[in-house]
Every structure is written in C-alpha cells, then in structure tokens.
ModelCIF file with pLDDT and N, C-alpha, C, O atoms, coordinates in Angstrom:
data_MODEL
#
_entry.id   MODEL 
#
_entity.id                         1 
_entity.type                       polymer 
_entity.pdbx_number_of_molecules   1 
#
_entity_poly.entity_id                      1 
_entity_poly.type                           'polypeptide(L)' 
_entity_poly.nstd_linkage                   no 
_entity_poly.nstd_monomer                   no 
_entity_poly.pdbx_seq_one_letter_code       GLFEIKKLGDEYFCFITECKDPKACTIILRGASKDVLNETERNLQ 
_entity_poly.pdbx_seq_one_letter_code_can   GLFEIKKLGDEYFCFITECKDPKACTIILRGASKDVLNETERNLQ 
_entity_poly.pdbx_strand_id                 A 
#
loop_
_entity_poly_seq.entity_id 
_entity_poly_seq.num 
_entity_poly_seq.mon_id 
_entity_poly_seq.hetero 
1 1  GLY n 
1 2  LEU n 
1 3  PHE n 
1 4  GLU n 
1 5  ILE n 
1 6  LYS n 
1 7  LYS n 
1 8  LEU n 
1 9  GLY n 
1 10 ASP n 
1 11 GLU n 
1 12 TYR n 
1 13 PHE n 
1 14 CYS n 
1 15 PHE n 
1 16 ILE n 
1 17 THR n 
1 18 GLU n 
1 19 CYS n 
1 20 LYS n 
1 21 ASP n 
1 22 PRO n 
1 23 LYS n 
1 24 ALA n 
1 25 CYS n 
1 26 THR n 
1 27 ILE n 
1 28 ILE n 
1 29 LEU n 
1 30 ARG n 
1 31 GLY n 
1 32 ALA n 
1 33 SER n 
1 34 LYS n 
1 35 ASP n 
1 36 VAL n 
1 37 LEU n 
1 38 ASN n 
1 39 GLU n 
1 40 THR n 
1 41 GLU n 
1 42 ARG n 
1 43 ASN n 
1 44 LEU n 
1 45 GLN n 
#
_struct_asym.id          A 
_struct_asym.entity_id   1 
#
loop_
_ma_qa_metric.id 
_ma_qa_metric.mode 
_ma_qa_metric.name 
_ma_qa_metric.software_group_id 
_ma_qa_metric.type 
1 global pLDDT . pLDDT 
2 local  pLDDT . pLDDT 
#
_ma_qa_metric_global.metric_id      1 
_ma_qa_metric_global.metric_value   88.47 
_ma_qa_metric_global.model_id       1 
_ma_qa_metric_global.ordinal_id     1 
#
loop_
_ma_qa_metric_local.label_asym_id 
_ma_qa_metric_local.label_comp_id 
_ma_qa_metric_local.label_seq_id 
_ma_qa_metric_local.metric_id 
_ma_qa_metric_local.metric_value 
_ma_qa_metric_local.model_id 
_ma_qa_metric_local.ordinal_id 
A GLY 1  2 90.00 1 1  
A LEU 2  2 92.00 1 2  
A PHE 3  2 93.00 1 3  
A GLU 4  2 93.00 1 4  
A ILE 5  2 94.00 1 5  
A LYS 6  2 92.00 1 6  
A LYS 7  2 90.00 1 7  
A LEU 8  2 84.00 1 8  
A GLY 9  2 79.00 1 9  
A ASP 10 2 84.00 1 10 
A GLU 11 2 88.00 1 11 
A TYR 12 2 92.00 1 12 
A PHE 13 2 92.00 1 13 
A CYS 14 2 93.00 1 14 
A PHE 15 2 93.00 1 15 
A ILE 16 2 92.00 1 16 
A THR 17 2 89.00 1 17 
A GLU 18 2 88.00 1 18 
A CYS 19 2 88.00 1 19 
A LYS 20 2 88.00 1 20 
A ASP 21 2 85.00 1 21 
A PRO 22 2 87.00 1 22 
A LYS 23 2 88.00 1 23 
A ALA 24 2 90.00 1 24 
A CYS 25 2 91.00 1 25 
A THR 26 2 92.00 1 26 
A ILE 27 2 92.00 1 27 
A ILE 28 2 92.00 1 28 
A LEU 29 2 91.00 1 29 
A ARG 30 2 89.00 1 30 
A GLY 31 2 87.00 1 31 
A ALA 32 2 85.00 1 32 
A SER 33 2 85.00 1 33 
A LYS 34 2 86.00 1 34 
A ASP 35 2 84.00 1 35 
A VAL 36 2 85.00 1 36 
A LEU 37 2 89.00 1 37 
A ASN 38 2 87.00 1 38 
A GLU 39 2 84.00 1 39 
A THR 40 2 87.00 1 40 
A GLU 41 2 88.00 1 41 
A ARG 42 2 84.00 1 42 
A ASN 43 2 84.00 1 43 
A LEU 44 2 88.00 1 44 
A GLN 45 2 87.00 1 45 
#
loop_
_atom_site.group_PDB 
_atom_site.id 
_atom_site.type_symbol 
_atom_site.label_atom_id 
_atom_site.label_alt_id 
_atom_site.label_comp_id 
_atom_site.label_asym_id 
_atom_site.label_entity_id 
_atom_site.label_seq_id 
_atom_site.pdbx_PDB_ins_code 
_atom_site.Cartn_x 
_atom_site.Cartn_y 
_atom_site.Cartn_z 
_atom_site.occupancy 
_atom_site.B_iso_or_equiv 
_atom_site.pdbx_formal_charge 
_atom_site.auth_seq_id 
_atom_site.auth_comp_id 
_atom_site.auth_asym_id 
_atom_site.auth_atom_id 
_atom_site.pdbx_PDB_model_num 
ATOM 1   N N  . GLY A 1 1  ? 0.833  -1.199  0.360  1.00 90.00 ? 1  GLY A N  1 
ATOM 2   C CA . GLY A 1 1  ? 0.175  0.129   0.046  1.00 90.00 ? 1  GLY A CA 1 
ATOM 3   C C  . GLY A 1 1  ? 0.642  1.194   0.248  1.00 90.00 ? 1  GLY A C  1 
ATOM 4   O O  . GLY A 1 1  ? 0.000  2.244   0.215  1.00 90.00 ? 1  GLY A O  1 
ATOM 5   N N  . LEU A 1 2  ? 1.908  1.082   0.503  1.00 92.00 ? 2  LEU A N  1 
ATOM 6   C CA . LEU A 1 2  ? 3.112  2.589   0.423  1.00 92.00 ? 2  LEU A CA 1 
ATOM 7   C C  . LEU A 1 2  ? 4.288  1.754   0.277  1.00 92.00 ? 2  LEU A C  1 
ATOM 8   O O  . LEU A 1 2  ? 4.528  0.556   0.430  1.00 92.00 ? 2  LEU A O  1 
ATOM 9   N N  . PHE A 1 3  ? 5.046  2.952   -0.126 1.00 93.00 ? 3  PHE A N  1 
ATOM 10  C CA . PHE A 1 3  ? 6.509  2.620   -0.482 1.00 93.00 ? 3  PHE A CA 1 
ATOM 11  C C  . PHE A 1 3  ? 7.076  4.272   -0.018 1.00 93.00 ? 3  PHE A C  1 
ATOM 12  O O  . PHE A 1 3  ? 6.646  5.278   -0.582 1.00 93.00 ? 3  PHE A O  1 
ATOM 13  N N  . GLU A 1 4  ? 7.889  4.302   0.865  1.00 93.00 ? 4  GLU A N  1 
ATOM 14  C CA . GLU A 1 4  ? 8.263  5.349   1.539  1.00 93.00 ? 4  GLU A CA 1 
ATOM 15  C C  . GLU A 1 4  ? 9.905  5.154   2.186  1.00 93.00 ? 4  GLU A C  1 
ATOM 16  O O  . GLU A 1 4  ? 10.231 4.140   2.802  1.00 93.00 ? 4  GLU A O  1 
ATOM 17  N N  . ILE A 1 5  ? 11.037 6.547   1.867  1.00 94.00 ? 5  ILE A N  1 
ATOM 18  C CA . ILE A 1 5  ? 12.263 6.418   2.599  1.00 94.00 ? 5  ILE A CA 1 
ATOM 19  C C  . ILE A 1 5  ? 12.312 7.426   3.770  1.00 94.00 ? 5  ILE A C  1 
ATOM 20  O O  . ILE A 1 5  ? 12.505 8.635   3.643  1.00 94.00 ? 5  ILE A O  1 
ATOM 21  N N  . LYS A 1 6  ? 12.111 6.763   4.922  1.00 92.00 ? 6  LYS A N  1 
ATOM 22  C CA . LYS A 1 6  ? 12.145 7.942   5.992  1.00 92.00 ? 6  LYS A CA 1 
ATOM 23  C C  . LYS A 1 6  ? 13.871 8.201   6.578  1.00 92.00 ? 6  LYS A C  1 
ATOM 24  O O  . LYS A 1 6  ? 14.683 7.695   5.804  1.00 92.00 ? 6  LYS A O  1 
ATOM 25  N N  . LYS A 1 7  ? 14.190 8.556   7.200  1.00 90.00 ? 7  LYS A N  1 
ATOM 26  C CA . LYS A 1 7  ? 15.435 9.080   7.796  1.00 90.00 ? 7  LYS A CA 1 
ATOM 27  C C  . LYS A 1 7  ? 14.867 8.563   9.304  1.00 90.00 ? 7  LYS A C  1 
ATOM 28  O O  . LYS A 1 7  ? 13.807 8.857   9.856  1.00 90.00 ? 7  LYS A O  1 
ATOM 29  N N  . LEU A 1 8  ? 16.058 7.606   9.808  1.00 84.00 ? 8  LEU A N  1 
ATOM 30  C CA . LEU A 1 8  ? 16.098 7.010   11.620 1.00 84.00 ? 8  LEU A CA 1 
ATOM 31  C C  . LEU A 1 8  ? 17.464 7.369   11.966 1.00 84.00 ? 8  LEU A C  1 
ATOM 32  O O  . LEU A 1 8  ? 18.506 6.775   11.687 1.00 84.00 ? 8  LEU A O  1 
ATOM 33  N N  . GLY A 1 9  ? 17.287 8.401   12.597 1.00 79.00 ? 9  GLY A N  1 
ATOM 34  C CA . GLY A 1 9  ? 18.737 8.466   13.187 1.00 79.00 ? 9  GLY A CA 1 
ATOM 35  C C  . GLY A 1 9  ? 19.363 9.356   12.143 1.00 79.00 ? 9  GLY A C  1 
ATOM 36  O O  . GLY A 1 9  ? 18.930 10.452  11.787 1.00 79.00 ? 9  GLY A O  1 
ATOM 37  N N  . ASP A 1 10 ? 20.404 8.759   11.715 1.00 84.00 ? 10 ASP A N  1 
ATOM 38  C CA . ASP A 1 10 ? 21.259 8.973   10.632 1.00 84.00 ? 10 ASP A CA 1 
ATOM 39  C C  . ASP A 1 10 ? 21.303 8.552   9.405  1.00 84.00 ? 10 ASP A C  1 
ATOM 40  O O  . ASP A 1 10 ? 21.907 9.077   8.469  1.00 84.00 ? 10 ASP A O  1 
ATOM 41  N N  . GLU A 1 11 ? 20.354 7.141   9.395  1.00 88.00 ? 11 GLU A N  1 
ATOM 42  C CA . GLU A 1 11 ? 20.441 6.289   8.454  1.00 88.00 ? 11 GLU A CA 1 
ATOM 43  C C  . GLU A 1 11 ? 19.239 6.689   7.875  1.00 88.00 ? 11 GLU A C  1 
ATOM 44  O O  . GLU A 1 11 ? 18.278 7.338   8.290  1.00 88.00 ? 11 GLU A O  1 
ATOM 45  N N  . TYR A 1 12 ? 19.582 6.019   6.566  1.00 92.00 ? 12 TYR A N  1 
ATOM 46  C CA . TYR A 1 12 ? 17.866 6.048   5.492  1.00 92.00 ? 12 TYR A CA 1 
ATOM 47  C C  . TYR A 1 12 ? 17.562 4.798   5.642  1.00 92.00 ? 12 TYR A C  1 
ATOM 48  O O  . TYR A 1 12 ? 18.412 3.908   5.614  1.00 92.00 ? 12 TYR A O  1 
ATOM 49  N N  . PHE A 1 13 ? 16.179 4.578   5.835  1.00 92.00 ? 13 PHE A N  1 
ATOM 50  C CA . PHE A 1 13 ? 15.374 3.120   5.735  1.00 92.00 ? 13 PHE A CA 1 
ATOM 51  C C  . PHE A 1 13 ? 14.254 3.339   4.391  1.00 92.00 ? 13 PHE A C  1 
ATOM 52  O O  . PHE A 1 13 ? 13.785 4.410   4.006  1.00 92.00 ? 13 PHE A O  1 
ATOM 53  N N  . CYS A 1 14 ? 14.066 2.308   3.973  1.00 93.00 ? 14 CYS A N  1 
ATOM 54  C CA . CYS A 1 14 ? 13.227 2.052   2.978  1.00 93.00 ? 14 CYS A CA 1 
ATOM 55  C C  . CYS A 1 14 ? 12.009 1.077   3.442  1.00 93.00 ? 14 CYS A C  1 
ATOM 56  O O  . CYS A 1 14 ? 12.148 -0.113  3.727  1.00 93.00 ? 14 CYS A O  1 
ATOM 57  N N  . PHE A 1 15 ? 10.625 1.906   3.467  1.00 93.00 ? 15 PHE A N  1 
ATOM 58  C CA . PHE A 1 15 ? 9.616  0.902   3.951  1.00 93.00 ? 15 PHE A CA 1 
ATOM 59  C C  . PHE A 1 15 ? 8.673  0.886   3.076  1.00 93.00 ? 15 PHE A C  1 
ATOM 60  O O  . PHE A 1 15 ? 8.253  1.913   2.545  1.00 93.00 ? 15 PHE A O  1 
ATOM 61  N N  . ILE A 1 16 ? 8.085  -0.683  2.744  1.00 92.00 ? 16 ILE A N  1 
ATOM 62  C CA . ILE A 1 16 ? 7.429  -1.283  1.857  1.00 92.00 ? 16 ILE A CA 1 
ATOM 63  C C  . ILE A 1 16 ? 6.220  -1.821  2.828  1.00 92.00 ? 16 ILE A C  1 
ATOM 64  O O  . ILE A 1 16 ? 6.285  -2.949  3.318  1.00 92.00 ? 16 ILE A O  1 
ATOM 65  N N  . THR A 1 17 ? 4.999  -0.852  3.099  1.00 89.00 ? 17 THR A N  1 
ATOM 66  C CA . THR A 1 17 ? 4.069  -1.406  4.380  1.00 89.00 ? 17 THR A CA 1 
ATOM 67  C C  . THR A 1 17 ? 2.762  -1.324  4.045  1.00 89.00 ? 17 THR A C  1 
ATOM 68  O O  . THR A 1 17 ? 2.539  -1.012  2.875  1.00 89.00 ? 17 THR A O  1 
ATOM 69  N N  . GLU A 1 18 ? 1.769  -1.532  4.805  1.00 88.00 ? 18 GLU A N  1 
ATOM 70  C CA . GLU A 1 18 ? 0.460  -1.816  4.332  1.00 88.00 ? 18 GLU A CA 1 
ATOM 71  C C  . GLU A 1 18 ? 0.010  -2.846  3.345  1.00 88.00 ? 18 GLU A C  1 
ATOM 72  O O  . GLU A 1 18 ? -0.924 -2.714  2.554  1.00 88.00 ? 18 GLU A O  1 
ATOM 73  N N  . CYS A 1 19 ? 0.678  -3.742  3.467  1.00 88.00 ? 19 CYS A N  1 
ATOM 74  C CA . CYS A 1 19 ? 0.706  -4.489  2.158  1.00 88.00 ? 19 CYS A CA 1 
ATOM 75  C C  . CYS A 1 19 ? -0.739 -5.396  3.002  1.00 88.00 ? 19 CYS A C  1 
ATOM 76  O O  . CYS A 1 19 ? -1.052 -5.310  4.189  1.00 88.00 ? 19 CYS A O  1 
ATOM 77  N N  . LYS A 1 20 ? -1.522 -6.375  1.724  1.00 88.00 ? 20 LYS A N  1 
ATOM 78  C CA . LYS A 1 20 ? -2.547 -6.536  1.630  1.00 88.00 ? 20 LYS A CA 1 
ATOM 79  C C  . LYS A 1 20 ? -1.930 -8.874  2.143  1.00 88.00 ? 20 LYS A C  1 
ATOM 80  O O  . LYS A 1 20 ? -1.420 -9.830  1.558  1.00 88.00 ? 20 LYS A O  1 
ATOM 81  N N  . ASP A 1 21 ? -2.387 -8.595  3.266  1.00 85.00 ? 21 ASP A N  1 
ATOM 82  C CA . ASP A 1 21 ? -1.798 -10.564 3.740  1.00 85.00 ? 21 ASP A CA 1 
ATOM 83  C C  . ASP A 1 21 ? -0.693 -10.660 3.515  1.00 85.00 ? 21 ASP A C  1 
ATOM 84  O O  . ASP A 1 21 ? -0.385 -11.612 2.799  1.00 85.00 ? 21 ASP A O  1 
ATOM 85  N N  . PRO A 1 22 ? 0.194  -9.926  3.905  1.00 87.00 ? 22 PRO A N  1 
ATOM 86  C CA . PRO A 1 22 ? 1.962  -10.330 3.795  1.00 87.00 ? 22 PRO A CA 1 
ATOM 87  C C  . PRO A 1 22 ? 2.350  -11.446 4.322  1.00 87.00 ? 22 PRO A C  1 
ATOM 88  O O  . PRO A 1 22 ? 1.935  -11.719 5.449  1.00 87.00 ? 22 PRO A O  1 
ATOM 89  N N  . LYS A 1 23 ? 3.049  -12.162 3.780  1.00 88.00 ? 23 LYS A N  1 
ATOM 90  C CA . LYS A 1 23 ? 3.264  -13.702 4.561  1.00 88.00 ? 23 LYS A CA 1 
ATOM 91  C C  . LYS A 1 23 ? 4.824  -13.296 4.846  1.00 88.00 ? 23 LYS A C  1 
ATOM 92  O O  . LYS A 1 23 ? 5.598  -14.241 4.992  1.00 88.00 ? 23 LYS A O  1 
ATOM 93  N N  . ALA A 1 24 ? 5.267  -12.174 4.924  1.00 90.00 ? 24 ALA A N  1 
ATOM 94  C CA . ALA A 1 24 ? 6.842  -11.788 5.581  1.00 90.00 ? 24 ALA A CA 1 
ATOM 95  C C  . ALA A 1 24 ? 6.363  -10.046 6.246  1.00 90.00 ? 24 ALA A C  1 
ATOM 96  O O  . ALA A 1 24 ? 5.583  -9.159  5.897  1.00 90.00 ? 24 ALA A O  1 
ATOM 97  N N  . CYS A 1 25 ? 7.313  -10.251 7.316  1.00 91.00 ? 25 CYS A N  1 
ATOM 98  C CA . CYS A 1 25 ? 7.309  -9.068  8.085  1.00 91.00 ? 25 CYS A CA 1 
ATOM 99  C C  . CYS A 1 25 ? 8.749  -8.481  8.733  1.00 91.00 ? 25 CYS A C  1 
ATOM 100 O O  . CYS A 1 25 ? 9.827  -8.980  8.408  1.00 91.00 ? 25 CYS A O  1 
ATOM 101 N N  . THR A 1 26 ? 8.674  -7.672  9.424  1.00 92.00 ? 26 THR A N  1 
ATOM 102 C CA . THR A 1 26 ? 9.996  -6.621  9.655  1.00 92.00 ? 26 THR A CA 1 
ATOM 103 C C  . THR A 1 26 ? 9.333  -6.019  11.273 1.00 92.00 ? 26 THR A C  1 
ATOM 104 O O  . THR A 1 26 ? 8.364  -5.337  11.606 1.00 92.00 ? 26 THR A O  1 
ATOM 105 N N  . ILE A 1 27 ? 10.462 -6.705  11.985 1.00 92.00 ? 27 ILE A N  1 
ATOM 106 C CA . ILE A 1 27 ? 10.272 -6.490  13.813 1.00 92.00 ? 27 ILE A CA 1 
ATOM 107 C C  . ILE A 1 27 ? 10.949 -5.191  13.688 1.00 92.00 ? 27 ILE A C  1 
ATOM 108 O O  . ILE A 1 27 ? 11.933 -5.163  12.949 1.00 92.00 ? 27 ILE A O  1 
ATOM 109 N N  . ILE A 1 28 ? 10.484 -3.784  14.463 1.00 92.00 ? 28 ILE A N  1 
ATOM 110 C CA . ILE A 1 28 ? 11.586 -2.589  14.366 1.00 92.00 ? 28 ILE A CA 1 
ATOM 111 C C  . ILE A 1 28 ? 11.955 -2.713  16.037 1.00 92.00 ? 28 ILE A C  1 
ATOM 112 O O  . ILE A 1 28 ? 10.990 -2.199  16.604 1.00 92.00 ? 28 ILE A O  1 
ATOM 113 N N  . LEU A 1 29 ? 12.486 -2.963  16.590 1.00 91.00 ? 29 LEU A N  1 
ATOM 114 C CA . LEU A 1 29 ? 13.150 -2.847  17.719 1.00 91.00 ? 29 LEU A CA 1 
ATOM 115 C C  . LEU A 1 29 ? 14.117 -1.374  18.037 1.00 91.00 ? 29 LEU A C  1 
ATOM 116 O O  . LEU A 1 29 ? 15.145 -0.904  17.549 1.00 91.00 ? 29 LEU A O  1 
ATOM 117 N N  . ARG A 1 30 ? 13.212 -0.986  19.070 1.00 89.00 ? 30 ARG A N  1 
ATOM 118 C CA . ARG A 1 30 ? 14.198 0.809   19.607 1.00 89.00 ? 30 ARG A CA 1 
ATOM 119 C C  . ARG A 1 30 ? 14.335 0.553   21.147 1.00 89.00 ? 30 ARG A C  1 
ATOM 120 O O  . ARG A 1 30 ? 13.558 0.183   22.027 1.00 89.00 ? 30 ARG A O  1 
ATOM 121 N N  . GLY A 1 31 ? 15.634 0.904   21.095 1.00 87.00 ? 31 GLY A N  1 
ATOM 122 C CA . GLY A 1 31 ? 15.827 0.737   22.610 1.00 87.00 ? 31 GLY A CA 1 
ATOM 123 C C  . GLY A 1 31 ? 17.479 1.983   22.884 1.00 87.00 ? 31 GLY A C  1 
ATOM 124 O O  . GLY A 1 31 ? 18.264 2.531   22.110 1.00 87.00 ? 31 GLY A O  1 
ATOM 125 N N  . ALA A 1 32 ? 17.353 1.945   24.071 1.00 85.00 ? 32 ALA A N  1 
ATOM 126 C CA . ALA A 1 32 ? 18.432 3.506   24.432 1.00 85.00 ? 32 ALA A CA 1 
ATOM 127 C C  . ALA A 1 32 ? 20.100 2.699   24.085 1.00 85.00 ? 32 ALA A C  1 
ATOM 128 O O  . ALA A 1 32 ? 20.954 3.559   23.870 1.00 85.00 ? 32 ALA A O  1 
ATOM 129 N N  . SER A 1 33 ? 20.580 1.401   24.016 1.00 85.00 ? 33 SER A N  1 
ATOM 130 C CA . SER A 1 33 ? 21.766 1.420   23.566 1.00 85.00 ? 33 SER A CA 1 
ATOM 131 C C  . SER A 1 33 ? 21.811 -0.098  22.616 1.00 85.00 ? 33 SER A C  1 
ATOM 132 O O  . SER A 1 33 ? 20.830 -0.730  22.226 1.00 85.00 ? 33 SER A O  1 
ATOM 133 N N  . LYS A 1 34 ? 22.824 -0.328  22.464 1.00 86.00 ? 34 LYS A N  1 
ATOM 134 C CA . LYS A 1 34 ? 23.188 -1.721  21.728 1.00 86.00 ? 34 LYS A CA 1 
ATOM 135 C C  . LYS A 1 34 ? 23.223 -2.567  22.611 1.00 86.00 ? 34 LYS A C  1 
ATOM 136 O O  . LYS A 1 34 ? 22.343 -3.422  22.507 1.00 86.00 ? 34 LYS A O  1 
ATOM 137 N N  . ASP A 1 35 ? 23.645 -2.630  23.132 1.00 84.00 ? 35 ASP A N  1 
ATOM 138 C CA . ASP A 1 35 ? 23.439 -3.377  24.454 1.00 84.00 ? 35 ASP A CA 1 
ATOM 139 C C  . ASP A 1 35 ? 22.105 -4.006  24.665 1.00 84.00 ? 35 ASP A C  1 
ATOM 140 O O  . ASP A 1 35 ? 21.884 -5.184  24.384 1.00 84.00 ? 35 ASP A O  1 
ATOM 141 N N  . VAL A 1 36 ? 20.905 -2.902  25.347 1.00 85.00 ? 36 VAL A N  1 
ATOM 142 C CA . VAL A 1 36 ? 19.804 -3.079  25.335 1.00 85.00 ? 36 VAL A CA 1 
ATOM 143 C C  . VAL A 1 36 ? 18.834 -4.319  24.420 1.00 85.00 ? 36 VAL A C  1 
ATOM 144 O O  . VAL A 1 36 ? 18.374 -5.401  24.787 1.00 85.00 ? 36 VAL A O  1 
ATOM 145 N N  . LEU A 1 37 ? 18.799 -3.811  23.488 1.00 89.00 ? 37 LEU A N  1 
ATOM 146 C CA . LEU A 1 37 ? 18.902 -3.864  22.089 1.00 89.00 ? 37 LEU A CA 1 
ATOM 147 C C  . LEU A 1 37 ? 18.736 -5.378  21.655 1.00 89.00 ? 37 LEU A C  1 
ATOM 148 O O  . LEU A 1 37 ? 17.855 -6.170  21.322 1.00 89.00 ? 37 LEU A O  1 
ATOM 149 N N  . ASN A 1 38 ? 20.428 -5.296  21.902 1.00 87.00 ? 38 ASN A N  1 
ATOM 150 C CA . ASN A 1 38 ? 20.704 -6.996  21.467 1.00 87.00 ? 38 ASN A CA 1 
ATOM 151 C C  . ASN A 1 38 ? 20.254 -8.006  22.789 1.00 87.00 ? 38 ASN A C  1 
ATOM 152 O O  . ASN A 1 38 ? 20.306 -9.218  22.580 1.00 87.00 ? 38 ASN A O  1 
ATOM 153 N N  . GLU A 1 39 ? 19.880 -7.600  23.938 1.00 84.00 ? 39 GLU A N  1 
ATOM 154 C CA . GLU A 1 39 ? 19.536 -8.615  24.888 1.00 84.00 ? 39 GLU A CA 1 
ATOM 155 C C  . GLU A 1 39 ? 17.658 -8.754  24.711 1.00 84.00 ? 39 GLU A C  1 
ATOM 156 O O  . GLU A 1 39 ? 16.970 -9.705  25.085 1.00 84.00 ? 39 GLU A O  1 
ATOM 157 N N  . THR A 1 40 ? 17.172 -7.438  24.007 1.00 87.00 ? 40 THR A N  1 
ATOM 158 C CA . THR A 1 40 ? 15.970 -7.412  23.747 1.00 87.00 ? 40 THR A CA 1 
ATOM 159 C C  . THR A 1 40 ? 15.859 -8.359  22.638 1.00 87.00 ? 40 THR A C  1 
ATOM 160 O O  . THR A 1 40 ? 15.246 -9.391  22.913 1.00 87.00 ? 40 THR A O  1 
ATOM 161 N N  . GLU A 1 41 ? 16.347 -8.239  21.353 1.00 88.00 ? 41 GLU A N  1 
ATOM 162 C CA . GLU A 1 41 ? 16.169 -9.215  20.323 1.00 88.00 ? 41 GLU A CA 1 
ATOM 163 C C  . GLU A 1 41 ? 16.429 -10.660 20.700 1.00 88.00 ? 41 GLU A C  1 
ATOM 164 O O  . GLU A 1 41 ? 15.751 -11.533 20.157 1.00 88.00 ? 41 GLU A O  1 
ATOM 165 N N  . ARG A 1 42 ? 17.675 -11.090 21.889 1.00 84.00 ? 42 ARG A N  1 
ATOM 166 C CA . ARG A 1 42 ? 17.419 -12.257 22.358 1.00 84.00 ? 42 ARG A CA 1 
ATOM 167 C C  . ARG A 1 42 ? 16.343 -12.831 22.884 1.00 84.00 ? 42 ARG A C  1 
ATOM 168 O O  . ARG A 1 42 ? 15.999 -13.999 22.701 1.00 84.00 ? 42 ARG A O  1 
ATOM 169 N N  . ASN A 1 43 ? 15.655 -11.812 23.712 1.00 84.00 ? 43 ASN A N  1 
ATOM 170 C CA . ASN A 1 43 ? 14.672 -12.477 24.206 1.00 84.00 ? 43 ASN A CA 1 
ATOM 171 C C  . ASN A 1 43 ? 13.224 -12.282 23.457 1.00 84.00 ? 43 ASN A C  1 
ATOM 172 O O  . ASN A 1 43 ? 12.306 -13.023 23.807 1.00 84.00 ? 43 ASN A O  1 
ATOM 173 N N  . LEU A 1 44 ? 13.000 -11.304 22.437 1.00 88.00 ? 44 LEU A N  1 
ATOM 174 C CA . LEU A 1 44 ? 12.336 -11.905 21.567 1.00 88.00 ? 44 LEU A CA 1 
ATOM 175 C C  . LEU A 1 44 ? 12.243 -13.086 20.546 1.00 88.00 ? 44 LEU A C  1 
ATOM 176 O O  . LEU A 1 44 ? 11.302 -13.624 19.963 1.00 88.00 ? 44 LEU A O  1 
ATOM 177 N N  . GLN A 1 45 ? 13.298 -13.232 20.561 1.00 87.00 ? 45 GLN A N  1 
ATOM 178 C CA . GLN A 1 45 ? 12.978 -14.760 19.701 1.00 87.00 ? 45 GLN A CA 1 
ATOM 179 C C  . GLN A 1 45 ? 12.772 -15.925 20.379 1.00 87.00 ? 45 GLN A C  1 
ATOM 180 O O  . GLN A 1 45 ? 12.553 -16.967 19.762 1.00 87.00 ? 45 GLN A O  1 
#
C-alpha cells in the first residue's frame, strides 16, 4: 500500500508497508543502547 524512504537517526530506511495479507514482516526494535537492543532481540526470539 505504501513505499517510502524515512530517515531514522543518521541513516535512511526504505519501508514497503500496508501490504494486503503479507506473508513476511519486519519487527522494529527501538532502545537506549546496543546492549539493551541485543538482549531485547534475544528475548524476543
């Protein structure tokens, strides 16, 4: 439904979203630091 380029932090990210019945997805994790994010990802897995 939508293609857009957004800037998060210093980098550009491409979003392809609002898909009808997508059979794939991306989980975006935000957090204070790399260590927090890595531990959060392990737990989320």
